[in-house]
């Protein structure tokens, strides 16, 4: 199944290292939110009002303490089905 066909609750992985833009409380700009290959769970799928054709996926990635991190908005190209 292609990444853009995924549904909330599906397991996905970071295709690239995902870095904070400074908008998530407690995570300063340029801090690493998920290394490439980190497993996450898809929370929701949506889009920006300015560009409805481009999907934005809300993901919570696993952290080193076996907890899920904060919800992070990711573009489809930042995610993959493979670890």
C-alpha atoms as a PDB file:
ATOM      1  CA  UNK A   1       0.000   0.000   0.000  1.00  0.00           C
ATOM      2  CA  UNK A   2       1.366   3.423  -0.915  1.00  0.00           C
ATOM      3  CA  UNK A   3       2.143   5.785   1.956  1.00  0.00           C
ATOM      4  CA  UNK A   4      -0.553   8.250   0.819  1.00  0.00           C
ATOM      5  CA  UNK A   5      -3.187   5.471   1.167  1.00  0.00           C
ATOM      6  CA  UNK A   6      -2.400   4.854   4.846  1.00  0.00           C
ATOM      7  CA  UNK A   7      -5.083   5.227   7.495  1.00  0.00           C
ATOM      8  CA  UNK A   8      -4.949   6.450  11.119  1.00  0.00           C
ATOM      9  CA  UNK A   9      -3.458   3.736  13.338  1.00  0.00           C
ATOM     10  CA  UNK A  10      -1.112   2.392  10.632  1.00  0.00           C
ATOM     11  CA  UNK A  11       2.605   1.994  11.383  1.00  0.00           C
ATOM     12  CA  UNK A  12       4.933   4.083   9.214  1.00  0.00           C
ATOM     13  CA  UNK A  13       8.579   5.150   9.360  1.00  0.00           C
ATOM     14  CA  UNK A  14      10.552   8.356   8.945  1.00  0.00           C
ATOM     15  CA  UNK A  15      12.182   8.266   5.495  1.00  0.00           C
ATOM     16  CA  UNK A  16      14.508  11.114   6.463  1.00  0.00           C
ATOM     17  CA  UNK A  17      15.631  12.737   9.688  1.00  0.00           C
ATOM     18  CA  UNK A  18      12.786  15.030  10.754  1.00  0.00           C
ATOM     19  CA  UNK A  19      13.851  18.273  12.435  1.00  0.00           C
ATOM     20  CA  UNK A  20      11.788  20.726  14.496  1.00  0.00           C
ATOM     21  CA  UNK A  21      10.836  24.039  12.925  1.00  0.00           C
ATOM     22  CA  UNK A  22      10.496  25.467  16.444  1.00  0.00           C
ATOM     23  CA  UNK A  23       6.700  25.284  16.656  1.00  0.00           C
ATOM     24  CA  UNK A  24       6.410  22.245  18.962  1.00  0.00           C
ATOM     25  CA  UNK A  25       6.613  23.264  22.644  1.00  0.00           C
ATOM     26  CA  UNK A  26       9.721  21.851  24.321  1.00  0.00           C
ATOM     27  CA  UNK A  27      11.513  21.178  21.030  1.00  0.00           C
ATOM     28  CA  UNK A  28      13.686  24.091  19.918  1.00  0.00           C
ATOM     29  CA  UNK A  29      14.208  24.807  16.222  1.00  0.00           C
ATOM     30  CA  UNK A  30      16.649  22.397  14.576  1.00  0.00           C
ATOM     31  CA  UNK A  31      16.286  19.688  17.254  1.00  0.00           C
ATOM     32  CA  UNK A  32      15.830  16.162  15.862  1.00  0.00           C
ATOM     33  CA  UNK A  33      12.279  14.860  16.263  1.00  0.00           C
ATOM     34  CA  UNK A  34      12.806  11.507  14.507  1.00  0.00           C
ATOM     35  CA  UNK A  35      15.863   9.917  12.928  1.00  0.00           C
ATOM     36  CA  UNK A  36      15.458   8.233   9.536  1.00  0.00           C
ATOM     37  CA  UNK A  37      14.001   4.754  10.119  1.00  0.00           C
ATOM     38  CA  UNK A  38      12.168   5.642  13.340  1.00  0.00           C
ATOM     39  CA  UNK A  39       8.835   3.852  13.670  1.00  0.00           C
ATOM     40  CA  UNK A  40       5.708   5.904  14.185  1.00  0.00           C
ATOM     41  CA  UNK A  41       1.942   5.656  14.179  1.00  0.00           C
ATOM     42  CA  UNK A  42      -0.228   7.671  11.822  1.00  0.00           C
ATOM     43  CA  UNK A  43      -2.685   9.808  13.785  1.00  0.00           C
ATOM     44  CA  UNK A  44      -4.487  11.700  11.023  1.00  0.00           C
ATOM     45  CA  UNK A  45      -4.274  12.739   7.370  1.00  0.00           C
ATOM     46  CA  UNK A  46      -5.161  16.186   6.097  1.00  0.00           C
ATOM     47  CA  UNK A  47      -3.931  19.073   3.977  1.00  0.00           C
ATOM     48  CA  UNK A  48      -3.187  22.766   4.192  1.00  0.00           C
ATOM     49  CA  UNK A  49      -5.998  25.057   3.121  1.00  0.00           C
ATOM     50  CA  UNK A  50      -3.611  26.828   0.750  1.00  0.00           C
ATOM     51  CA  UNK A  51      -2.778  23.566  -1.060  1.00  0.00           C
ATOM     52  CA  UNK A  52      -5.547  20.936  -0.739  1.00  0.00           C
ATOM     53  CA  UNK A  53      -3.838  18.581  -3.209  1.00  0.00           C
ATOM     54  CA  UNK A  54      -0.772  18.121  -0.959  1.00  0.00           C
ATOM     55  CA  UNK A  55      -1.328  15.669   1.918  1.00  0.00           C
ATOM     56  CA  UNK A  56      -0.042  16.385   5.399  1.00  0.00           C
ATOM     57  CA  UNK A  57       0.206  13.444   7.801  1.00  0.00           C
ATOM     58  CA  UNK A  58       0.130  13.764  11.583  1.00  0.00           C
ATOM     59  CA  UNK A  59       2.492  11.170  13.099  1.00  0.00           C
ATOM     60  CA  UNK A  60       3.703  10.279  16.591  1.00  0.00           C
ATOM     61  CA  UNK A  61       7.148   8.683  16.490  1.00  0.00           C
ATOM     62  CA  UNK A  62       8.613   6.336  19.087  1.00  0.00           C
ATOM     63  CA  UNK A  63      11.187   7.880  21.389  1.00  0.00           C
ATOM     64  CA  UNK A  64      14.095   6.103  23.072  1.00  0.00           C
ATOM     65  CA  UNK A  65      12.045   5.526  26.234  1.00  0.00           C
ATOM     66  CA  UNK A  66       9.417   3.382  24.431  1.00  0.00           C
ATOM     67  CA  UNK A  67       6.975   6.306  24.586  1.00  0.00           C
ATOM     68  CA  UNK A  68       5.372   8.108  21.678  1.00  0.00           C
ATOM     69  CA  UNK A  69       6.598  11.629  21.026  1.00  0.00           C
ATOM     70  CA  UNK A  70       4.428  14.639  20.221  1.00  0.00           C
ATOM     71  CA  UNK A  71       2.249  14.730  17.106  1.00  0.00           C
ATOM     72  CA  UNK A  72       4.330  15.967  14.173  1.00  0.00           C
ATOM     73  CA  UNK A  73       3.034  17.184  10.820  1.00  0.00           C
ATOM     74  CA  UNK A  74       4.928  15.393   8.022  1.00  0.00           C
ATOM     75  CA  UNK A  75       4.769  15.579   4.255  1.00  0.00           C
ATOM     76  CA  UNK A  76       4.245  12.277   2.425  1.00  0.00           C
ATOM     77  CA  UNK A  77       7.817  12.369   1.057  1.00  0.00           C
ATOM     78  CA  UNK A  78       9.192  12.396   4.624  1.00  0.00           C
ATOM     79  CA  UNK A  79       7.575   8.995   5.351  1.00  0.00           C
ATOM     80  CA  UNK A  80       7.941   5.415   4.157  1.00  0.00           C
ATOM     81  CA  UNK A  81       6.432   1.956   4.670  1.00  0.00           C
ATOM     82  CA  UNK A  82       9.868   0.423   5.278  1.00  0.00           C
ATOM     83  CA  UNK A  83      12.152   0.818   8.324  1.00  0.00           C
END
